[in-house]
């Protein structure tokens, strides 16, 4: 599980590298997981994030917020694992969960 300083660092790094980029595509639920909750179905998520612009990420406690313009926020709360950034056209493993920003 990420600790608060790691969330602060992730938010800063995302702010530096992802702010103002547009999401080309995104997916979730690529591999089975017993302890995860989504508030959208995978197909709905893909449509929802496509074309959105990433605004400056920020953290509050053990929560990471990534605003998407217009009108949405990706929220990662009390989680562990990896959050990976893949440049456009970079090969992505089948088990990755990602949103591609260009």
Protein backbone atom coordinates (compact mmCIF):
# COMPACT_ATOMS: atom_id res chain seq x y z
CA UNK A 1 0.00 0.00 0.00
CA UNK A 2 1.29 3.46 -0.84
CA UNK A 3 2.12 5.75 2.07
CA UNK A 4 1.25 9.47 2.18
CA UNK A 5 4.72 10.68 1.01
CA UNK A 6 4.45 8.34 -1.99
CA UNK A 7 1.06 9.81 -2.92
CA UNK A 8 2.54 13.32 -2.70
CA UNK A 9 5.43 12.24 -4.96
CA UNK A 10 3.09 10.50 -7.44
CA UNK A 11 0.87 13.59 -7.64
CA UNK A 12 3.90 15.83 -8.27
CA UNK A 13 5.32 13.51 -10.93
CA UNK A 14 1.95 13.19 -12.65
CA UNK A 15 1.53 16.95 -12.54
CA UNK A 16 4.89 17.38 -14.25
CA UNK A 17 4.47 14.70 -16.90
CA UNK A 18 0.73 14.37 -17.58
CA UNK A 19 -0.85 17.79 -17.11
CA UNK A 20 -2.55 19.11 -20.25
CA UNK A 21 -2.18 15.82 -22.14
CA UNK A 22 -5.20 14.30 -23.86
CA UNK A 23 -6.22 10.69 -23.19
CA UNK A 24 -6.29 8.66 -26.41
CA UNK A 25 -7.72 5.52 -24.79
CA UNK A 26 -8.18 3.91 -21.42
CA UNK A 27 -9.23 0.62 -19.90
CA UNK A 28 -9.83 -1.03 -16.56
CA UNK A 29 -10.46 -4.51 -15.30
CA UNK A 30 -7.89 -6.07 -17.65
CA UNK A 31 -7.12 -8.88 -15.20
CA UNK A 32 -9.13 -10.47 -12.40
CA UNK A 33 -8.78 -8.89 -8.98
CA UNK A 34 -10.54 -9.87 -5.76
CA UNK A 35 -10.26 -6.57 -3.93
CA UNK A 36 -11.16 -3.70 -6.26
CA UNK A 37 -14.28 -1.61 -6.87
CA UNK A 38 -15.23 0.34 -9.97
CA UNK A 39 -18.12 2.75 -10.33
CA UNK A 40 -18.28 2.20 -14.09
CA UNK A 41 -18.33 -0.82 -16.37
CA UNK A 42 -15.12 -1.30 -18.42
CA UNK A 43 -16.82 -0.29 -21.71
CA UNK A 44 -18.35 2.80 -20.10
CA UNK A 45 -14.96 3.80 -18.67
CA UNK A 46 -13.26 3.55 -22.07
CA UNK A 47 -15.83 5.90 -23.60
CA UNK A 48 -15.79 8.24 -20.60
CA UNK A 49 -12.01 8.90 -20.57
CA UNK A 50 -11.38 9.04 -24.32
CA UNK A 51 -10.54 12.57 -25.41
CA UNK A 52 -10.41 14.04 -21.89
CA UNK A 53 -7.57 16.38 -20.91
CA UNK A 54 -5.59 15.58 -17.78
CA UNK A 55 -5.32 18.43 -15.31
CA UNK A 56 -2.85 18.76 -12.41
CA UNK A 57 -2.97 15.71 -10.09
CA UNK A 58 -3.07 16.22 -6.34
CA UNK A 59 -3.18 14.13 -3.18
CA UNK A 60 -5.10 14.38 0.07
CA UNK A 61 -4.04 11.85 2.66
CA UNK A 62 -3.97 8.39 1.10
CA UNK A 63 -6.00 9.47 -1.90
CA UNK A 64 -4.75 10.52 -5.33
CA UNK A 65 -6.98 12.72 -7.51
CA UNK A 66 -6.46 13.19 -11.25
CA UNK A 67 -8.93 15.74 -12.69
CA UNK A 68 -10.06 15.10 -16.26
CA UNK A 69 -11.44 18.04 -18.19
CA UNK A 70 -14.32 18.39 -18.71
CA UNK A 71 -16.04 17.27 -15.55
CA UNK A 72 -14.49 14.07 -14.14
CA UNK A 73 -11.87 13.03 -11.59
CA UNK A 74 -10.00 9.73 -11.47
CA UNK A 75 -9.59 8.72 -7.81
CA UNK A 76 -7.09 6.20 -6.46
CA UNK A 77 -7.64 5.58 -2.77
CA UNK A 78 -5.61 3.60 -0.27
CA UNK A 79 -4.15 1.45 -3.02
CA UNK A 80 -0.95 -0.31 -3.79
CA UNK A 81 0.68 -1.70 -6.87
CA UNK A 82 1.87 0.34 -9.81
CA UNK A 83 0.56 3.30 -11.71
CA UNK A 84 2.29 3.28 -15.09
CA UNK A 85 2.58 5.91 -17.81
CA UNK A 86 2.93 4.60 -21.36
CA UNK A 87 3.82 6.95 -24.16
CA UNK A 88 1.74 6.77 -27.31
CA UNK A 89 2.52 3.70 -29.45
CA UNK A 90 4.65 2.15 -26.67
CA UNK A 91 3.98 -1.57 -26.23
CA UNK A 92 1.88 -2.33 -23.15
CA UNK A 93 1.67 -5.70 -21.42
CA UNK A 94 -1.70 -7.41 -21.46
CA UNK A 95 -2.00 -7.28 -17.65
CA UNK A 96 -1.52 -3.50 -17.48
CA UNK A 97 -4.36 -1.20 -16.47
CA UNK A 98 -3.86 2.12 -18.14
CA UNK A 99 -5.04 5.24 -19.81
CA UNK A 100 -2.88 6.25 -22.76
CA UNK A 101 -2.10 9.95 -22.95
CA UNK A 102 -0.75 11.64 -26.06
